[in-house]
Amino acid sequence: MKYPYSNAIEKEGAVVKLKFLVNEDGSLSHFSVMNKVDDDLQVAAIQILQMMPNWEPAKRNGTPIARAVILPISFQGQEHYP
């Protein structure tokens, strides 16, 4: 995935912490950003999660349940890769 240019990425990278819900069927919803970073990076991080296939839901007594998850997504500039 190509993501938006940001000076923060080129210097030291950027991390977007997302909180979201993994529903009983494994779908993801209720996205929120827990830290302040570049708005374009926040949008890109949410788009990454929206493109993912369903996750394995949490279970209680063998029954799938909805569960909140916090996930950091790290963005790195080109100079961090060979």
PDB file of N, CA and C in Angstrom:
ATOM      1  N   MET A   1       0.843  -1.175   0.000  1.00  0.00           N
ATOM      2  CA  MET A   1       0.000   0.000   0.000  1.00  0.00           C
ATOM      3  C   MET A   1       0.887   1.236   0.000  1.00  0.00           C
ATOM      4  N   LYS A   2       0.556   2.202  -0.815  1.00  0.00           N
ATOM      5  CA  LYS A   2       1.233   3.487  -0.779  1.00  0.00           C
ATOM      6  C   LYS A   2       0.496   4.369   0.207  1.00  0.00           C
ATOM      7  N   TYR A   3       1.247   5.060   1.027  1.00  0.00           N
ATOM      8  CA  TYR A   3       0.608   5.943   1.978  1.00  0.00           C
ATOM      9  C   TYR A   3       1.125   7.356   1.824  1.00  0.00           C
ATOM     10  N   PRO A   4       0.414   8.342   2.386  1.00  0.00           N
ATOM     11  CA  PRO A   4       0.736   9.737   2.133  1.00  0.00           C
ATOM     12  C   PRO A   4       2.103  10.134   2.672  1.00  0.00           C
ATOM     13  N   TYR A   5       2.706  11.106   1.999  1.00  0.00           N
ATOM     14  CA  TYR A   5       3.993  11.619   2.435  1.00  0.00           C
ATOM     15  C   TYR A   5       3.809  12.443   3.700  1.00  0.00           C
ATOM     16  N   SER A   6       4.746  12.311   4.622  1.00  0.00           N
ATOM     17  CA  SER A   6       4.739  13.107   5.839  1.00  0.00           C
ATOM     18  C   SER A   6       6.177  13.340   6.249  1.00  0.00           C
ATOM     19  N   ASN A   7       6.522  14.561   6.639  1.00  0.00           N
ATOM     20  CA  ASN A   7       7.872  14.839   7.118  1.00  0.00           C
ATOM     21  C   ASN A   7       8.226  13.973   8.311  1.00  0.00           C
ATOM     22  N   ALA A   8       7.256  13.681   9.171  1.00  0.00           N
ATOM     23  CA  ALA A   8       7.505  12.844  10.345  1.00  0.00           C
ATOM     24  C   ALA A   8       7.969  11.454   9.942  1.00  0.00           C
ATOM     25  N   ILE A   9       7.404  10.921   8.871  1.00  0.00           N
ATOM     26  CA  ILE A   9       7.796   9.588   8.413  1.00  0.00           C
ATOM     27  C   ILE A   9       9.247   9.602   7.959  1.00  0.00           C
ATOM     28  N   GLU A  10       9.622  10.579   7.174  1.00  0.00           N
ATOM     29  CA  GLU A  10      10.974  10.629   6.624  1.00  0.00           C
ATOM     30  C   GLU A  10      12.027  10.800   7.707  1.00  0.00           C
ATOM     31  N   LYS A  11      11.703  11.486   8.801  1.00  0.00           N
ATOM     32  CA  LYS A  11      12.694  11.739   9.849  1.00  0.00           C
ATOM     33  C   LYS A  11      12.838  10.556  10.796  1.00  0.00           C
ATOM     34  N   GLU A  12      11.762  10.191  11.479  1.00  0.00           N
ATOM     35  CA  GLU A  12      11.871   9.127  12.476  1.00  0.00           C
ATOM     36  C   GLU A  12      10.755   8.093  12.391  1.00  0.00           C
ATOM     37  N   GLY A  13       9.894   8.221  11.428  1.00  0.00           N
ATOM     38  CA  GLY A  13       8.771   7.305  11.327  1.00  0.00           C
ATOM     39  C   GLY A  13       7.599   7.829  12.148  1.00  0.00           C
ATOM     40  N   ALA A  14       6.477   7.198  12.028  1.00  0.00           N
ATOM     41  CA  ALA A  14       5.282   7.605  12.764  1.00  0.00           C
ATOM     42  C   ALA A  14       4.479   6.363  13.127  1.00  0.00           C
ATOM     43  N   VAL A  15       3.847   6.419  14.273  1.00  0.00           N
ATOM     44  CA  VAL A  15       3.016   5.310  14.736  1.00  0.00           C
ATOM     45  C   VAL A  15       1.608   5.846  14.994  1.00  0.00           C
ATOM     46  N   VAL A  16       0.622   5.176  14.425  1.00  0.00           N
ATOM     47  CA  VAL A  16      -0.782   5.497  14.669  1.00  0.00           C
ATOM     48  C   VAL A  16      -1.343   4.382  15.547  1.00  0.00           C
ATOM     49  N   LYS A  17      -1.830   4.737  16.730  1.00  0.00           N
ATOM     50  CA  LYS A  17      -2.444   3.746  17.623  1.00  0.00           C
ATOM     51  C   LYS A  17      -3.947   3.765  17.383  1.00  0.00           C
ATOM     52  N   LEU A  18      -4.458   2.638  16.918  1.00  0.00           N
ATOM     53  CA  LEU A  18      -5.887   2.524  16.627  1.00  0.00           C
ATOM     54  C   LEU A  18      -6.578   1.624  17.638  1.00  0.00           C
ATOM     55  N   LYS A  19      -7.763   2.045  18.044  1.00  0.00           N
ATOM     56  CA  LYS A  19      -8.628   1.203  18.859  1.00  0.00           C
ATOM     57  C   LYS A  19      -9.821   0.859  17.984  1.00  0.00           C
ATOM     58  N   PHE A  20     -10.217  -0.402  17.996  1.00  0.00           N
ATOM     59  CA  PHE A  20     -11.337  -0.835  17.165  1.00  0.00           C
ATOM     60  C   PHE A  20     -11.959  -2.072  17.777  1.00  0.00           C
ATOM     61  N   LEU A  21     -13.067  -2.467  17.217  1.00  0.00           N
ATOM     62  CA  LEU A  21     -13.804  -3.614  17.714  1.00  0.00           C
ATOM     63  C   LEU A  21     -13.687  -4.770  16.731  1.00  0.00           C
ATOM     64  N   VAL A  22     -13.356  -5.949  17.256  1.00  0.00           N
ATOM     65  CA  VAL A  22     -13.446  -7.182  16.477  1.00  0.00           C
ATOM     66  C   VAL A  22     -14.789  -7.793  16.858  1.00  0.00           C
ATOM     67  N   ASN A  23     -15.707  -7.798  15.904  1.00  0.00           N
ATOM     68  CA  ASN A  23     -17.067  -8.261  16.160  1.00  0.00           C
ATOM     69  C   ASN A  23     -17.143  -9.784  16.243  1.00  0.00           C
ATOM     70  N   GLU A  24     -18.300 -10.274  16.652  1.00  0.00           N
ATOM     71  CA  GLU A  24     -18.506 -11.724  16.803  1.00  0.00           C
ATOM     72  C   GLU A  24     -18.225 -12.491  15.519  1.00  0.00           C
ATOM     73  N   ASP A  25     -18.469 -11.875  14.375  1.00  0.00           N
ATOM     74  CA  ASP A  25     -18.227 -12.544  13.094  1.00  0.00           C
ATOM     75  C   ASP A  25     -16.806 -12.309  12.570  1.00  0.00           C
ATOM     76  N   GLY A  26     -15.981 -11.596  13.336  1.00  0.00           N
ATOM     77  CA  GLY A  26     -14.600 -11.342  12.928  1.00  0.00           C
ATOM     78  C   GLY A  26     -14.415 -10.053  12.148  1.00  0.00           C
ATOM     79  N   SER A  27     -15.507  -9.385  11.788  1.00  0.00           N
ATOM     80  CA  SER A  27     -15.387  -8.115  11.073  1.00  0.00           C
ATOM     81  C   SER A  27     -14.865  -7.038  12.033  1.00  0.00           C
ATOM     82  N   LEU A  28     -14.285  -5.979  11.476  1.00  0.00           N
ATOM     83  CA  LEU A  28     -13.721  -4.897  12.270  1.00  0.00           C
ATOM     84  C   LEU A  28     -14.596  -3.658  12.132  1.00  0.00           C
ATOM     85  N   SER A  29     -14.777  -2.928  13.233  1.00  0.00           N
ATOM     86  CA  SER A  29     -15.603  -1.722  13.204  1.00  0.00           C
ATOM     87  C   SER A  29     -15.206  -0.783  14.343  1.00  0.00           C
ATOM     88  N   HIS A  30     -15.874   0.359  14.397  1.00  0.00           N
ATOM     89  CA  HIS A  30     -15.703   1.346  15.468  1.00  0.00           C
ATOM     90  C   HIS A  30     -14.245   1.770  15.638  1.00  0.00           C
ATOM     91  N   PHE A  31     -13.650   2.249  14.566  1.00  0.00           N
ATOM     92  CA  PHE A  31     -12.251   2.664  14.578  1.00  0.00           C
ATOM     93  C   PHE A  31     -12.101   4.029  15.242  1.00  0.00           C
ATOM     94  N   SER A  32     -11.088   4.164  16.088  1.00  0.00           N
ATOM     95  CA  SER A  32     -10.745   5.475  16.649  1.00  0.00           C
ATOM     96  C   SER A  32      -9.234   5.553  16.816  1.00  0.00           C
ATOM     97  N   VAL A  33      -8.709   6.759  16.644  1.00  0.00           N
ATOM     98  CA  VAL A  33      -7.271   6.993  16.762  1.00  0.00           C
ATOM     99  C   VAL A  33      -6.984   7.442  18.186  1.00  0.00           C
ATOM    100  N   MET A  34      -6.015   6.805  18.830  1.00  0.00           N
ATOM    101  CA  MET A  34      -5.724   7.091  20.229  1.00  0.00           C
ATOM    102  C   MET A  34      -4.610   8.122  20.423  1.00  0.00           C
ATOM    103  N   ASN A  35      -3.874   8.452  19.384  1.00  0.00           N
ATOM    104  CA  ASN A  35      -2.808   9.439  19.502  1.00  0.00           C
ATOM    105  C   ASN A  35      -2.901  10.420  18.342  1.00  0.00           C
ATOM    106  N   LYS A  36      -2.373  11.597  18.539  1.00  0.00           N
ATOM    107  CA  LYS A  36      -2.451  12.631  17.501  1.00  0.00           C
ATOM    108  C   LYS A  36      -1.238  12.519  16.586  1.00  0.00           C
ATOM    109  N   VAL A  37      -1.509  12.240  15.331  1.00  0.00           N
ATOM    110  CA  VAL A  37      -0.486  12.222  14.284  1.00  0.00           C
ATOM    111  C   VAL A  37      -1.087  12.910  13.061  1.00  0.00           C
ATOM    112  N   ASP A  38      -0.330  12.962  12.003  1.00  0.00           N
ATOM    113  CA  ASP A  38      -0.790  13.563  10.755  1.00  0.00           C
ATOM    114  C   ASP A  38      -2.150  12.979  10.349  1.00  0.00           C
ATOM    115  N   ASP A  39      -3.102  13.846   9.992  1.00  0.00           N
ATOM    116  CA  ASP A  39      -4.457  13.395   9.636  1.00  0.00           C
ATOM    117  C   ASP A  39      -4.452  12.383   8.494  1.00  0.00           C
ATOM    118  N   ASP A  40      -3.598  12.608   7.492  1.00  0.00           N
ATOM    119  CA  ASP A  40      -3.532  11.672   6.356  1.00  0.00           C
ATOM    120  C   ASP A  40      -3.069  10.298   6.802  1.00  0.00           C
ATOM    121  N   LEU A  41      -2.161  10.234   7.772  1.00  0.00           N
ATOM    122  CA  LEU A  41      -1.693   8.943   8.281  1.00  0.00           C
ATOM    123  C   LEU A  41      -2.786   8.241   9.082  1.00  0.00           C
ATOM    124  N   GLN A  42      -3.581   9.019   9.812  1.00  0.00           N
ATOM    125  CA  GLN A  42      -4.693   8.418  10.544  1.00  0.00           C
ATOM    126  C   GLN A  42      -5.669   7.747   9.577  1.00  0.00           C
ATOM    127  N   VAL A  43      -5.994   8.448   8.505  1.00  0.00           N
ATOM    128  CA  VAL A  43      -6.906   7.906   7.492  1.00  0.00           C
ATOM    129  C   VAL A  43      -6.294   6.659   6.852  1.00  0.00           C
ATOM    130  N   ALA A  44      -5.005   6.712   6.530  1.00  0.00           N
ATOM    131  CA  ALA A  44      -4.332   5.569   5.896  1.00  0.00           C
ATOM    132  C   ALA A  44      -4.332   4.357   6.825  1.00  0.00           C
ATOM    133  N   ALA A  45      -4.094   4.574   8.117  1.00  0.00           N
ATOM    134  CA  ALA A  45      -4.079   3.464   9.076  1.00  0.00           C
ATOM    135  C   ALA A  45      -5.445   2.791   9.159  1.00  0.00           C
ATOM    136  N   ILE A  46      -6.506   3.583   9.191  1.00  0.00           N
ATOM    137  CA  ILE A  46      -7.855   3.013   9.230  1.00  0.00           C
ATOM    138  C   ILE A  46      -8.157   2.260   7.938  1.00  0.00           C
ATOM    139  N   GLN A  47      -7.713   2.793   6.805  1.00  0.00           N
ATOM    140  CA  GLN A  47      -7.929   2.106   5.524  1.00  0.00           C
ATOM    141  C   GLN A  47      -7.220   0.755   5.498  1.00  0.00           C
ATOM    142  N   ILE A  48      -6.044   0.684   6.099  1.00  0.00           N
ATOM    143  CA  ILE A  48      -5.321  -0.597   6.172  1.00  0.00           C
ATOM    144  C   ILE A  48      -6.179  -1.634   6.880  1.00  0.00           C
ATOM    145  N   LEU A  49      -6.744  -1.267   8.015  1.00  0.00           N
ATOM    146  CA  LEU A  49      -7.585  -2.217   8.754  1.00  0.00           C
ATOM    147  C   LEU A  49      -8.858  -2.563   7.993  1.00  0.00           C
ATOM    148  N   GLN A  50      -9.435  -1.594   7.304  1.00  0.00           N
ATOM    149  CA  GLN A  50     -10.661  -1.859   6.548  1.00  0.00           C
ATOM    150  C   GLN A  50     -10.428  -2.819   5.388  1.00  0.00           C
ATOM    151  N   MET A  51      -9.199  -2.900   4.887  1.00  0.00           N
ATOM    152  CA  MET A  51      -8.889  -3.803   3.780  1.00  0.00           C
ATOM    153  C   MET A  51      -8.569  -5.224   4.243  1.00  0.00           C
ATOM    154  N   MET A  52      -8.391  -5.421   5.537  1.00  0.00           N
ATOM    155  CA  MET A  52      -8.017  -6.735   6.056  1.00  0.00           C
ATOM    156  C   MET A  52      -9.185  -7.716   5.984  1.00  0.00           C
ATOM    157  N   PRO A  53      -8.852  -8.979   5.837  1.00  0.00           N
ATOM    158  CA  PRO A  53      -9.915  -9.993   5.949  1.00  0.00           C
ATOM    159  C   PRO A  53     -10.388 -10.056   7.407  1.00  0.00           C
ATOM    160  N   ASN A  54     -11.493 -10.732   7.630  1.00  0.00           N
ATOM    161  CA  ASN A  54     -12.001 -10.871   8.997  1.00  0.00           C
ATOM    162  C   ASN A  54     -10.966 -11.504   9.908  1.00  0.00           C
ATOM    163  N   TRP A  55     -10.974 -11.091  11.152  1.00  0.00           N
ATOM    164  CA  TRP A  55     -10.091 -11.638  12.176  1.00  0.00           C
ATOM    165  C   TRP A  55     -10.786 -12.804  12.878  1.00  0.00           C
ATOM    166  N   GLU A  56     -10.040 -13.540  13.651  1.00  0.00           N
ATOM    167  CA  GLU A  56     -10.593 -14.586  14.504  1.00  0.00           C
ATOM    168  C   GLU A  56     -11.159 -13.890  15.743  1.00  0.00           C
ATOM    169  N   PRO A  57     -12.464 -13.991  16.002  1.00  0.00           N
ATOM    170  CA  PRO A  57     -13.033 -13.281  17.153  1.00  0.00           C
ATOM    171  C   PRO A  57     -12.624 -13.922  18.477  1.00  0.00           C
ATOM    172  N   ALA A  58     -12.688 -13.120  19.534  1.00  0.00           N
ATOM    173  CA  ALA A  58     -12.474 -13.648  20.879  1.00  0.00           C
ATOM    174  C   ALA A  58     -13.628 -14.591  21.215  1.00  0.00           C
ATOM    175  N   LYS A  59     -13.382 -15.476  22.161  1.00  0.00           N
ATOM    176  CA  LYS A  59     -14.434 -16.415  22.564  1.00  0.00           C
ATOM    177  C   LYS A  59     -14.542 -16.444  24.074  1.00  0.00           C
ATOM    178  N   ARG A  60     -15.774 -16.589  24.533  1.00  0.00           N
ATOM    179  CA  ARG A  60     -16.041 -16.782  25.957  1.00  0.00           C
ATOM    180  C   ARG A  60     -16.886 -18.035  26.078  1.00  0.00           C
ATOM    181  N   ASN A  61     -16.364 -19.011  26.781  1.00  0.00           N
ATOM    182  CA  ASN A  61     -17.051 -20.299  26.918  1.00  0.00           C
ATOM    183  C   ASN A  61     -17.370 -20.899  25.559  1.00  0.00           C
ATOM    184  N   GLY A  62     -16.456 -20.710  24.595  1.00  0.00           N
ATOM    185  CA  GLY A  62     -16.622 -21.279  23.260  1.00  0.00           C
ATOM    186  C   GLY A  62     -17.515 -20.483  22.320  1.00  0.00           C
ATOM    187  N   THR A  63     -18.095 -19.398  22.804  1.00  0.00           N
ATOM    188  CA  THR A  63     -18.982 -18.574  21.989  1.00  0.00           C
ATOM    189  C   THR A  63     -18.258 -17.306  21.552  1.00  0.00           C
ATOM    190  N   PRO A  64     -18.277 -16.991  20.252  1.00  0.00           N
ATOM    191  CA  PRO A  64     -17.617 -15.763  19.787  1.00  0.00           C
ATOM    192  C   PRO A  64     -18.235 -14.518  20.426  1.00  0.00           C
ATOM    193  N   ILE A  65     -17.363 -13.586  20.827  1.00  0.00           N
ATOM    194  CA  ILE A  65     -17.807 -12.323  21.417  1.00  0.00           C
ATOM    195  C   ILE A  65     -17.066 -11.159  20.754  1.00  0.00           C
ATOM    196  N   ALA A  66     -17.657  -9.980  20.819  1.00  0.00           N
ATOM    197  CA  ALA A  66     -16.988  -8.769  20.342  1.00  0.00           C
ATOM    198  C   ALA A  66     -15.940  -8.372  21.374  1.00  0.00           C
ATOM    199  N   ARG A  67     -14.822  -7.826  20.884  1.00  0.00           N
ATOM    200  CA  ARG A  67     -13.728  -7.454  21.789  1.00  0.00           C
ATOM    201  C   ARG A  67     -12.994  -6.250  21.232  1.00  0.00           C
ATOM    202  N   ALA A  68     -12.715  -5.284  22.093  1.00  0.00           N
ATOM    203  CA  ALA A  68     -11.935  -4.108  21.690  1.00  0.00           C
ATOM    204  C   ALA A  68     -10.459  -4.500  21.592  1.00  0.00           C
ATOM    205  N   VAL A  69      -9.783  -3.934  20.596  1.00  0.00           N
ATOM    206  CA  VAL A  69      -8.362  -4.199  20.364  1.00  0.00           C
ATOM    207  C   VAL A  69      -7.657  -2.863  20.148  1.00  0.00           C
ATOM    208  N   ILE A  70      -6.434  -2.756  20.645  1.00  0.00           N
ATOM    209  CA  ILE A  70      -5.580  -1.603  20.368  1.00  0.00           C
ATOM    210  C   ILE A  70      -4.394  -2.110  19.564  1.00  0.00           C
ATOM    211  N   LEU A  71      -4.159  -1.469  18.415  1.00  0.00           N
ATOM    212  CA  LEU A  71      -3.097  -1.909  17.512  1.00  0.00           C
ATOM    213  C   LEU A  71      -2.290  -0.712  17.035  1.00  0.00           C
ATOM    214  N   PRO A  72      -0.970  -0.705  17.261  1.00  0.00           N
ATOM    215  CA  PRO A  72      -0.143   0.351  16.684  1.00  0.00           C
ATOM    216  C   PRO A  72       0.242  -0.009  15.253  1.00  0.00           C
ATOM    217  N   ILE A  73       0.113   0.952  14.350  1.00  0.00           N
ATOM    218  CA  ILE A  73       0.541   0.765  12.964  1.00  0.00           C
ATOM    219  C   ILE A  73       1.690   1.728  12.717  1.00  0.00           C
ATOM    220  N   SER A  74       2.831   1.175  12.329  1.00  0.00           N
ATOM    221  CA  SER A  74       4.046   1.968  12.146  1.00  0.00           C
ATOM    222  C   SER A  74       4.264   2.292  10.674  1.00  0.00           C
ATOM    223  N   PHE A  75       4.549   3.559  10.395  1.00  0.00           N
ATOM    224  CA  PHE A  75       4.870   4.015   9.048  1.00  0.00           C
ATOM    225  C   PHE A  75       6.357   4.411   9.040  1.00  0.00           C
ATOM    226  N   GLN A  76       7.103   3.946   8.056  1.00  0.00           N
ATOM    227  CA  GLN A  76       8.525   4.255   7.928  1.00  0.00           C
ATOM    228  C   GLN A  76       8.799   4.865   6.569  1.00  0.00           C
ATOM    229  N   GLY A  77       9.781   5.768   6.503  1.00  0.00           N
ATOM    230  CA  GLY A  77      10.166   6.378   5.249  1.00  0.00           C
ATOM    231  C   GLY A  77      11.015   5.452   4.405  1.00  0.00           C
ATOM    232  N   GLN A  78      11.261   5.839   3.175  1.00  0.00           N
ATOM    233  CA  GLN A  78      12.024   5.034   2.224  1.00  0.00           C
ATOM    234  C   GLN A  78      13.423   4.700   2.712  1.00  0.00           C
ATOM    235  N   GLU A  79      14.079   5.631   3.444  1.00  0.00           N
ATOM    236  CA  GLU A  79      15.470   5.384   3.831  1.00  0.00           C
ATOM    237  C   GLU A  79      15.589   4.265   4.868  1.00  0.00           C
ATOM    238  N   HIS A  80      14.485   3.802   5.421  1.00  0.00           N
ATOM    239  CA  HIS A  80      14.513   2.708   6.384  1.00  0.00           C
ATOM    240  C   HIS A  80      14.527   1.335   5.715  1.00  0.00           C
ATOM    241  N   TYR A  81      14.390   1.312   4.412  1.00  0.00           N
ATOM    242  CA  TYR A  81      14.345   0.053   3.678  1.00  0.00           C
ATOM    243  C   TYR A  81      15.439   0.040   2.630  1.00  0.00           C
ATOM    244  N   PRO A  82      16.027  -1.145   2.393  1.00  0.00           N
ATOM    245  CA  PRO A  82      17.088  -1.228   1.376  1.00  0.00           C
ATOM    246  C   PRO A  82      16.563  -1.021  -0.039  1.00  0.00           C
TER     247      PRO A  82
END
